[in-house]
Protein backbone atom coordinates (compact mmCIF):
# COMPACT_ATOMS: atom_id res chain seq x y z
CA UNK A 1 107.20 112.81 74.52
CA UNK A 2 106.21 109.17 74.21
CA UNK A 3 104.95 107.20 77.17
CA UNK A 4 107.58 105.14 79.03
CA UNK A 5 107.23 101.39 78.59
CA UNK A 6 107.55 98.76 81.32
CA UNK A 7 108.81 95.20 81.09
CA UNK A 8 108.10 92.58 83.75
CA UNK A 9 111.26 90.48 84.04
CA UNK A 10 111.13 87.07 85.73
CA UNK A 11 113.22 83.95 86.20
CA UNK A 12 111.21 80.84 87.04
CA UNK A 13 111.33 77.10 87.55
CA UNK A 14 108.29 74.93 88.33
CA UNK A 15 106.09 77.85 89.38
CA UNK A 16 102.78 76.54 88.04
CA UNK A 17 101.06 76.89 91.41
CA UNK A 18 101.46 80.67 91.64
CA UNK A 19 102.61 82.11 88.32
CA UNK A 20 99.15 82.92 86.93
CA UNK A 21 98.32 84.91 90.07
CA UNK A 22 101.53 86.92 89.79
CA UNK A 23 101.06 87.70 86.12
CA UNK A 24 97.44 88.74 86.66
CA UNK A 25 98.53 91.22 89.34
CA UNK A 26 100.87 93.08 86.93
CA UNK A 27 98.86 92.73 83.72
CA UNK A 28 97.40 96.25 83.92
CA UNK A 29 100.82 97.94 84.03
CA UNK A 30 102.98 95.69 81.84
CA UNK A 31 103.81 96.54 78.23
CA UNK A 32 105.74 93.29 77.96
CA UNK A 33 106.32 90.27 80.19
CA UNK A 34 109.51 88.26 79.78
CA UNK A 35 109.68 84.91 81.58
CA UNK A 36 113.08 83.22 81.61
CA UNK A 37 112.62 79.55 82.46
CA UNK A 38 115.55 77.67 83.99
CA UNK A 39 114.23 74.14 83.41
CA UNK A 40 110.62 73.67 84.50
CA UNK A 41 109.15 70.17 84.42
CA UNK A 42 105.57 71.28 85.13
CA UNK A 43 103.32 73.51 82.98
CA UNK A 44 104.96 76.80 83.99
CA UNK A 45 105.84 77.67 80.39
CA UNK A 46 102.31 76.97 79.18
CA UNK A 47 100.82 79.20 81.89
CA UNK A 48 103.21 82.01 81.01
CA UNK A 49 102.37 81.86 77.32
CA UNK A 50 98.65 81.70 77.99
CA UNK A 51 99.02 84.94 79.95
CA UNK A 52 100.70 86.60 76.95
CA UNK A 53 104.27 86.44 78.21
CA UNK A 54 107.30 85.96 76.01
CA UNK A 55 109.23 82.91 77.19
CA UNK A 56 112.93 82.14 76.83
CA UNK A 57 114.70 79.12 78.21
CA UNK A 58 118.03 79.69 79.91
CA UNK A 59 120.51 77.44 81.76
CA UNK A 60 120.73 77.46 85.54
CA UNK A 61 124.35 78.15 86.58
CA UNK A 62 123.93 78.27 90.38
CA UNK A 63 123.88 82.05 90.21
CA UNK A 64 120.78 84.25 90.43
CA UNK A 65 122.55 87.32 89.04
CA UNK A 66 123.60 85.44 85.90
CA UNK A 67 120.04 84.22 85.37
CA UNK A 68 118.52 87.67 85.83
CA UNK A 69 121.12 89.20 83.54
CA UNK A 70 120.24 86.68 80.82
CA UNK A 71 116.65 87.88 81.12
CA UNK A 72 117.83 91.51 80.99
CA UNK A 73 119.66 90.76 77.76
CA UNK A 74 116.27 89.96 76.18
CA UNK A 75 114.59 93.15 77.41
CA UNK A 76 113.03 95.71 75.05
CA UNK A 77 111.23 98.25 77.23
CA UNK A 78 112.35 101.49 78.90
CA UNK A 79 111.90 100.23 82.45
CA UNK A 80 112.43 96.85 84.12
CA UNK A 81 110.38 95.52 87.03
CA UNK A 82 112.02 92.36 88.37
CA UNK A 83 109.66 90.11 90.32
CA UNK A 84 109.33 86.46 91.33
CA UNK A 85 106.48 84.02 90.87
CA UNK A 86 105.60 84.01 94.58
CA UNK A 87 105.14 87.80 94.62
CA UNK A 88 102.34 90.05 93.45
CA UNK A 89 100.99 93.59 93.44
CA UNK A 90 97.77 94.56 95.19
CA UNK A 91 94.93 96.35 93.39
CA UNK A 92 96.46 99.80 93.87
CA UNK A 93 99.95 98.75 92.82
CA UNK A 94 99.75 99.03 89.01
CA UNK A 95 98.48 102.62 88.97
CA UNK A 96 101.03 103.74 91.56
CA UNK A 97 103.85 102.04 89.69
CA UNK A 98 102.85 103.54 86.34
CA UNK A 99 102.99 107.08 87.75
CA UNK A 100 106.62 106.56 88.84
CA UNK A 101 107.83 105.86 85.32
CA UNK A 102 107.25 109.43 84.18
CA UNK A 103 109.71 111.04 86.62
CA UNK A 104 112.68 111.87 84.43
CA UNK A 105 114.89 112.65 87.44
CA UNK A 106 114.80 109.13 88.89
CA UNK A 107 116.53 106.05 87.44
CA UNK A 108 115.52 103.38 89.94
CA UNK A 109 113.10 102.75 92.79
CA UNK A 110 113.58 100.94 96.08
CA UNK A 111 110.50 98.77 96.60
CA UNK A 112 109.20 97.79 100.03
CA UNK A 113 108.32 94.12 100.16
CA UNK A 114 105.93 92.59 102.67
CA UNK A 115 107.18 89.07 103.40
CA UNK A 116 104.25 87.23 104.95
CA UNK A 117 104.96 84.80 107.78
CA UNK A 118 103.04 81.97 109.39
CA UNK A 119 103.40 83.09 112.99
CA UNK A 120 103.07 86.47 114.63
CA UNK A 121 106.44 85.97 116.34
CA UNK A 122 108.49 85.36 113.21
CA UNK A 123 111.20 87.85 112.30
CA UNK A 124 113.56 88.46 109.42
CA UNK A 125 117.00 89.59 110.46
CA UNK A 126 116.69 92.72 112.56
CA UNK A 127 113.08 93.32 111.44
CA UNK A 128 110.23 92.41 113.78
CA UNK A 129 106.85 91.13 112.52
CA UNK A 130 104.05 93.60 111.82
CA UNK A 131 100.37 92.58 112.14
CA UNK A 132 98.82 91.89 108.75
CA UNK A 133 96.20 94.56 107.92
CA UNK A 134 94.61 92.26 105.35
CA UNK A 135 94.96 94.58 102.36
CA UNK A 136 95.78 91.66 100.04
CA UNK A 137 93.05 89.02 99.80
CA UNK A 138 95.48 86.21 98.96
CA UNK A 139 97.49 86.91 102.13
CA UNK A 140 94.73 87.47 104.69
CA UNK A 141 95.22 84.06 106.31
CA UNK A 142 98.71 85.01 107.50
CA UNK A 143 98.96 86.84 110.83
CA UNK A 144 101.92 89.10 110.09
CA UNK A 145 104.65 90.17 107.72
CA UNK A 146 108.22 91.42 107.91
CA UNK A 147 109.54 94.08 105.58
CA UNK A 148 112.53 94.25 103.30
CA UNK A 149 113.59 96.77 100.67
CA UNK A 150 114.90 95.84 97.23
CA UNK A 151 115.71 97.91 94.15
CA UNK A 152 113.35 96.09 91.80
CA UNK A 153 112.23 98.87 89.44
CA UNK A 154 114.89 100.53 87.25
CA UNK A 155 115.53 101.99 83.83
CA UNK A 156 117.03 99.70 81.21
CA UNK A 157 120.43 101.34 80.90
CA UNK A 158 123.77 100.19 79.58
CA UNK A 159 125.96 99.13 82.48
CA UNK A 160 123.08 98.36 84.85
CA UNK A 161 122.95 94.67 85.73
CA UNK A 162 122.70 92.34 88.70
CA UNK A 163 125.63 91.39 90.96
CA UNK A 164 126.05 88.41 93.36
CA UNK A 165 125.12 84.74 93.18
CA UNK A 166 122.36 85.19 95.79
CA UNK A 167 120.56 88.24 97.21
CA UNK A 168 121.42 89.72 93.84
CA UNK A 169 121.08 93.45 93.29
CA UNK A 170 121.56 96.27 90.77
CA UNK A 171 122.41 98.78 93.51
CA UNK A 172 126.19 98.63 93.07
CA UNK A 173 125.98 99.23 89.34
CA UNK A 174 123.52 102.11 89.75
CA UNK A 175 125.82 103.72 92.32
CA UNK A 176 128.88 103.27 90.10
CA UNK A 177 127.08 105.08 87.28
CA UNK A 178 125.82 107.85 89.54
CA UNK A 179 122.17 107.02 88.93
CA UNK A 180 119.48 108.35 91.25
CA UNK A 181 117.32 106.02 93.35
CA UNK A 182 114.13 106.94 95.20
CA UNK A 183 111.56 105.12 97.37
CA UNK A 184 108.68 103.52 95.48
CA UNK A 185 105.13 104.30 96.58
CA UNK A 186 103.69 100.81 96.19
CA UNK A 187 104.03 97.48 98.02
CA UNK A 188 105.31 94.20 96.61
CA UNK A 189 103.68 91.28 98.42
CA UNK A 190 105.76 88.12 98.95
CA UNK A 191 103.74 85.02 99.86
CA UNK A 192 106.20 82.18 99.22
CA UNK A 193 107.83 82.26 102.63
CA UNK A 194 104.46 81.62 104.28
CA UNK A 195 102.83 79.40 101.66
CA UNK A 196 105.63 76.86 101.29
CA UNK A 197 105.45 73.70 103.34
CA UNK A 198 108.07 73.18 106.05
CA UNK A 199 110.07 70.63 104.04
CA UNK A 200 110.29 72.96 101.07
CA UNK A 201 111.29 75.89 103.30
CA UNK A 202 114.11 73.80 104.75
CA UNK A 203 115.27 72.81 101.27
CA UNK A 204 115.27 76.45 100.20
CA UNK A 205 117.16 77.50 103.31
CA UNK A 206 119.91 75.00 102.55
CA UNK A 207 119.92 75.98 98.87
CA UNK A 208 120.40 79.65 99.77
CA UNK A 209 123.02 78.74 102.34
CA UNK A 210 125.13 76.98 99.72
CA UNK A 211 124.74 79.89 97.32
CA UNK A 212 125.70 82.20 100.19
CA UNK A 213 128.97 80.28 100.63
CA UNK A 214 129.57 80.65 96.90
CA UNK A 215 128.92 84.39 97.13
CA UNK A 216 131.30 84.63 100.07
CA UNK A 217 134.05 82.90 98.09
CA UNK A 218 133.53 85.28 95.18
CA UNK A 219 133.15 88.44 97.32
CA UNK A 220 135.36 87.95 100.40
CA UNK A 221 135.36 91.68 101.23
CA UNK A 222 131.57 92.01 101.18
CA UNK A 223 130.34 92.28 104.77
CA UNK A 224 126.77 91.45 103.66
CA UNK A 225 127.99 88.10 102.32
CA UNK A 226 129.58 87.24 105.69
CA UNK A 227 126.44 88.39 107.51
CA UNK A 228 124.11 86.32 105.33
CA UNK A 229 126.05 83.10 105.91
CA UNK A 230 126.34 83.87 109.63
CA UNK A 231 122.61 84.45 109.93
CA UNK A 232 121.97 81.18 108.09
CA UNK A 233 124.26 79.29 110.48
CA UNK A 234 122.52 80.87 113.45
CA UNK A 235 118.87 80.58 112.48
CA UNK A 236 118.70 77.57 110.15
CA UNK A 237 121.65 75.37 111.11
CA UNK A 238 121.40 76.28 114.82
CA UNK A 239 125.20 76.56 115.07
CA UNK A 240 126.00 79.70 117.11
CA UNK A 241 129.73 78.96 117.29
CA UNK A 242 130.07 78.84 113.51
CA UNK A 243 127.67 81.76 113.13
CA UNK A 244 129.74 83.96 115.42
CA UNK A 245 132.85 83.49 113.23
CA UNK A 246 131.01 84.79 110.16
CA UNK A 247 129.19 87.55 112.02
CA UNK A 248 132.32 88.88 113.69
CA UNK A 249 134.00 89.02 110.28
CA UNK A 250 131.04 91.02 108.95
CA UNK A 251 131.38 93.34 111.94
CA UNK A 252 135.11 93.80 111.32
CA UNK A 253 134.52 94.63 107.66
CA UNK A 254 131.72 97.07 108.43
CA UNK A 255 131.68 98.21 112.06
CA UNK A 256 129.10 100.92 111.32
CA UNK A 257 126.36 98.42 110.32
CA UNK A 258 124.28 97.84 113.48
CA UNK A 259 122.84 94.49 112.46
CA UNK A 260 126.36 93.01 112.43
CA UNK A 261 126.79 93.91 116.10
CA UNK A 262 123.24 92.85 117.01
CA UNK A 263 123.59 89.34 115.64
CA UNK A 264 127.06 88.92 117.11
CA UNK A 265 125.29 89.63 120.39
CA UNK A 266 122.52 87.14 119.69
CA UNK A 267 125.07 84.43 118.84
CA UNK A 268 127.00 85.23 122.02
CA UNK A 269 123.77 84.92 124.01
CA UNK A 270 123.26 81.47 122.51
CA UNK A 271 126.76 80.59 123.74
CA UNK A 272 125.98 81.97 127.23
CA UNK A 273 128.68 84.62 126.89
CA UNK A 274 126.36 87.20 128.34
CA UNK A 275 128.64 90.19 129.14
CA UNK A 276 130.06 90.07 125.61
CA UNK A 277 126.56 89.73 124.18
CA UNK A 278 125.37 92.81 126.01
CA UNK A 279 128.42 94.78 124.81
CA UNK A 280 127.65 93.93 121.18
CA UNK A 281 124.03 94.93 121.61
CA UNK A 282 125.20 98.17 123.16
CA UNK A 283 127.20 98.77 119.99
CA UNK A 284 124.09 98.23 117.87
CA UNK A 285 122.16 100.66 120.06
CA UNK A 286 124.96 103.20 119.80
CA UNK A 287 124.81 102.89 116.01
CA UNK A 288 121.16 103.93 116.06
CA UNK A 289 119.33 100.60 115.98
CA UNK A 290 115.97 100.81 117.77
CA UNK A 291 114.04 97.75 116.61
CA UNK A 292 111.90 95.42 118.73
CA UNK A 293 114.35 92.64 117.84
CA UNK A 294 117.16 94.51 119.61
CA UNK A 295 115.10 95.13 122.74
CA UNK A 296 113.94 91.52 122.87
CA UNK A 297 117.54 90.34 122.45
CA UNK A 298 118.65 92.60 125.32
CA UNK A 299 115.82 91.19 127.40
CA UNK A 300 117.05 87.66 126.68
CA UNK A 301 120.52 88.54 127.99
CA UNK A 302 119.19 90.00 131.21
CA UNK A 303 116.75 87.11 131.70
CA UNK A 304 119.50 84.49 131.37
CA UNK A 305 121.66 86.55 133.75
CA UNK A 306 118.85 86.46 136.33
CA UNK A 307 118.16 90.21 136.22
CA UNK A 308 114.43 89.95 135.68
CA UNK A 309 113.65 93.62 136.28
CA UNK A 310 115.99 94.81 133.51
CA UNK A 311 114.73 91.97 131.32
CA UNK A 312 111.16 93.15 131.91
CA UNK A 313 112.06 96.71 130.94
CA UNK A 314 113.67 95.50 127.72
CA UNK A 315 110.80 93.20 126.78
CA UNK A 316 108.34 96.06 127.31
CA UNK A 317 110.03 97.79 124.38
CA UNK A 318 110.30 94.58 122.37
CA UNK A 319 107.11 94.84 120.38
CA UNK A 320 103.77 93.07 120.45
CA UNK A 321 104.66 89.61 119.18
CA UNK A 322 103.17 86.71 121.19
CA UNK A 323 106.65 85.36 121.98
CA UNK A 324 107.86 88.68 123.36
CA UNK A 325 104.65 89.00 125.37
CA UNK A 326 105.19 85.53 126.84
CA UNK A 327 108.74 86.44 127.83
CA UNK A 328 107.43 89.57 129.50
CA UNK A 329 104.93 87.43 131.38
CA UNK A 330 107.73 85.11 132.47
CA UNK A 331 109.59 88.12 133.89
CA UNK A 332 106.53 89.25 135.79
CA UNK A 333 106.17 85.77 137.25
CA UNK A 334 109.80 85.74 138.37
CA UNK A 335 109.33 89.18 139.96
CA UNK A 336 106.43 87.92 142.08
CA UNK A 337 103.61 89.24 139.89
CA UNK A 338 102.43 85.68 139.37
CA UNK A 339 98.81 86.20 138.41
CA UNK A 340 99.55 89.04 135.98
CA UNK A 341 102.45 87.12 134.46
CA UNK A 342 100.47 83.95 133.85
CA UNK A 343 97.55 85.90 132.41
CA UNK A 344 99.91 87.65 129.99
CA UNK A 345 101.36 84.35 128.81
CA UNK A 346 97.86 82.87 128.40
CA UNK A 347 96.80 85.87 126.31
CA UNK A 348 99.86 85.34 124.14
CA UNK A 349 98.83 81.72 123.61
CA UNK A 350 95.28 82.77 122.73
CA UNK A 351 96.67 85.05 120.02
CA UNK A 352 99.03 82.37 118.63
CA UNK A 353 97.71 78.94 119.67
CA UNK A 354 99.98 77.05 117.26
CA UNK A 355 103.22 78.51 118.63
CA UNK A 356 104.57 75.61 120.69
CA UNK A 357 107.24 77.62 122.53
CA UNK A 358 104.53 79.51 124.39
CA UNK A 359 103.22 76.38 126.10
CA UNK A 360 106.69 75.57 127.44
CA UNK A 361 107.02 79.07 128.85
CA UNK A 362 103.54 78.85 130.41
CA UNK A 363 104.23 75.43 131.95
CA UNK A 364 107.50 76.51 133.53
CA UNK A 365 106.15 79.86 134.70
CA UNK A 366 103.09 78.17 136.19
CA UNK A 367 105.34 75.92 138.24
CA UNK A 368 107.22 78.96 139.51
CA UNK A 369 103.83 80.35 140.54
CA UNK A 370 102.90 76.99 142.12
CA UNK A 371 100.01 76.59 139.69
CA UNK A 372 100.48 72.89 138.89
CA UNK A 373 97.11 72.48 137.16
CA UNK A 374 97.93 75.25 134.65
CA UNK A 375 101.41 73.77 134.17
CA UNK A 376 100.17 70.29 133.35
CA UNK A 377 97.43 71.60 131.06
CA UNK A 378 100.08 73.55 129.15
CA UNK A 379 102.17 70.37 128.91
CA UNK A 380 99.27 68.46 127.40
CA UNK A 381 98.56 71.24 124.92
CA UNK A 382 102.24 71.25 123.99
CA UNK A 383 102.21 67.50 123.41
CA UNK A 384 99.22 67.88 121.11
CA UNK A 385 101.14 70.37 118.97
CA UNK A 386 104.45 68.51 118.88
CA UNK A 387 108.01 69.15 120.00
CA UNK A 388 108.83 72.74 120.88
CA UNK A 389 111.55 74.55 119.01
CA UNK A 390 114.90 74.54 120.77
CA UNK A 391 115.24 78.29 120.46
CA UNK A 392 113.48 79.10 123.74
CA UNK A 393 114.92 76.31 125.88
CA UNK A 394 117.32 78.43 127.91
CA UNK A 395 114.50 80.69 129.06
CA UNK A 396 112.34 77.66 129.86
CA UNK A 397 115.21 75.95 131.70
CA UNK A 398 115.78 79.09 133.78
CA UNK A 399 112.14 78.99 134.87
CA UNK A 400 112.33 75.26 135.53
CA UNK A 401 115.41 75.67 137.71
CA UNK A 402 113.57 78.27 139.77
CA UNK A 403 110.64 75.89 140.12
CA UNK A 404 112.91 73.00 141.15
CA UNK A 405 114.61 75.16 143.77
CA UNK A 406 111.17 75.56 145.33
CA UNK A 407 110.56 71.82 145.42
CA UNK A 408 108.38 71.78 142.29
CA UNK A 409 109.03 69.51 139.31
CA UNK A 410 107.97 69.58 135.69
CA UNK A 411 107.05 66.13 134.43
CA UNK A 412 107.82 66.94 130.81
CA UNK A 413 110.43 69.04 129.08
CA UNK A 414 111.54 69.42 125.49
CA UNK A 415 115.12 68.40 124.52
CA UNK A 416 117.77 70.52 126.24
CA UNK A 417 119.57 72.94 123.99
CA UNK A 418 121.34 76.26 124.10
CA UNK A 419 119.13 79.18 123.06
CA UNK A 420 119.10 80.67 119.61
CA UNK A 421 116.86 83.72 119.52
């Protein structure tokens, strides 16, 4: 029996900064590389050809599935591995991937992707950050990653193609044809989320939001489409009222998906509808969700309700991120454990000195503890880093109110806003 062949399938536009790195990481396993360019104005095409890739130019039709399917139409090999120019394999990846191609019982593989992030408190949906073990040299500067799973490796079969304008996938087509999927044994590393500058990240967020609305129009019964737009409204547009409309629709369409209930609860927390928020989070828990994001969200509800003991218990299960640790320290301060609470917040800052929210929490908690010198030092450090994100303001305001009630005053505060966690 002949050896199975593998084709690397890509769609690109202006990827000169990272494309060579990506292609080098898959060179040892690829029998063919097909790069479909959607209109680059830099030297992306030249880099691809220098690396031995076949290049085709295709139109961009505001639809990722259409673009990937145009690339699939040019494929020649037995297997397809769909990757992007800001992703790469590590040194062990090619050999692990090659071994999977010889299993005749499997038609597709679900690939775990490590999405590197700039701060150790970042999250992606219901997934909490995981400390970066440094296995990939190019990603060692980033403190953490969040995981996602995508069906990226699959046989080239008639009837298997990508669906959806954004967050495109072959899963529905594989399921319709009764094809078997299995977990892959290698990691796909995604660096773009961490490497892109803030302005570019914001542009991409808005770009994906608009494509998400297009997907929603085309797939009105797809709960994932409603969830994706709701999450975008919540985390990028900072509009919890609008987010809740989309998220509740996702929940109605698929009441067994715990993330739908979780993020309804998070939006309700942002709107200070705390009993409803806790009920939605209880639904997520009842559906089996046990992530640090859920526990931290429950802690936020209890904190804003003034139940600091229950908030502390929730935050203790909320993972090891610096932000969660700072919230736990704030609880300890409110419960009278002032020295331990402040020390915990200061340790969180030491582990993530660029995370501006932590200085606000320290300043307010220090005032509660009547430690004005620590509070004002935190304020100055905050000023040096810039304006804090609005997402933690409700927690900070709660601490400030407690300080004010004791005759203490904070001389600086970031703009008032409802929380979005």
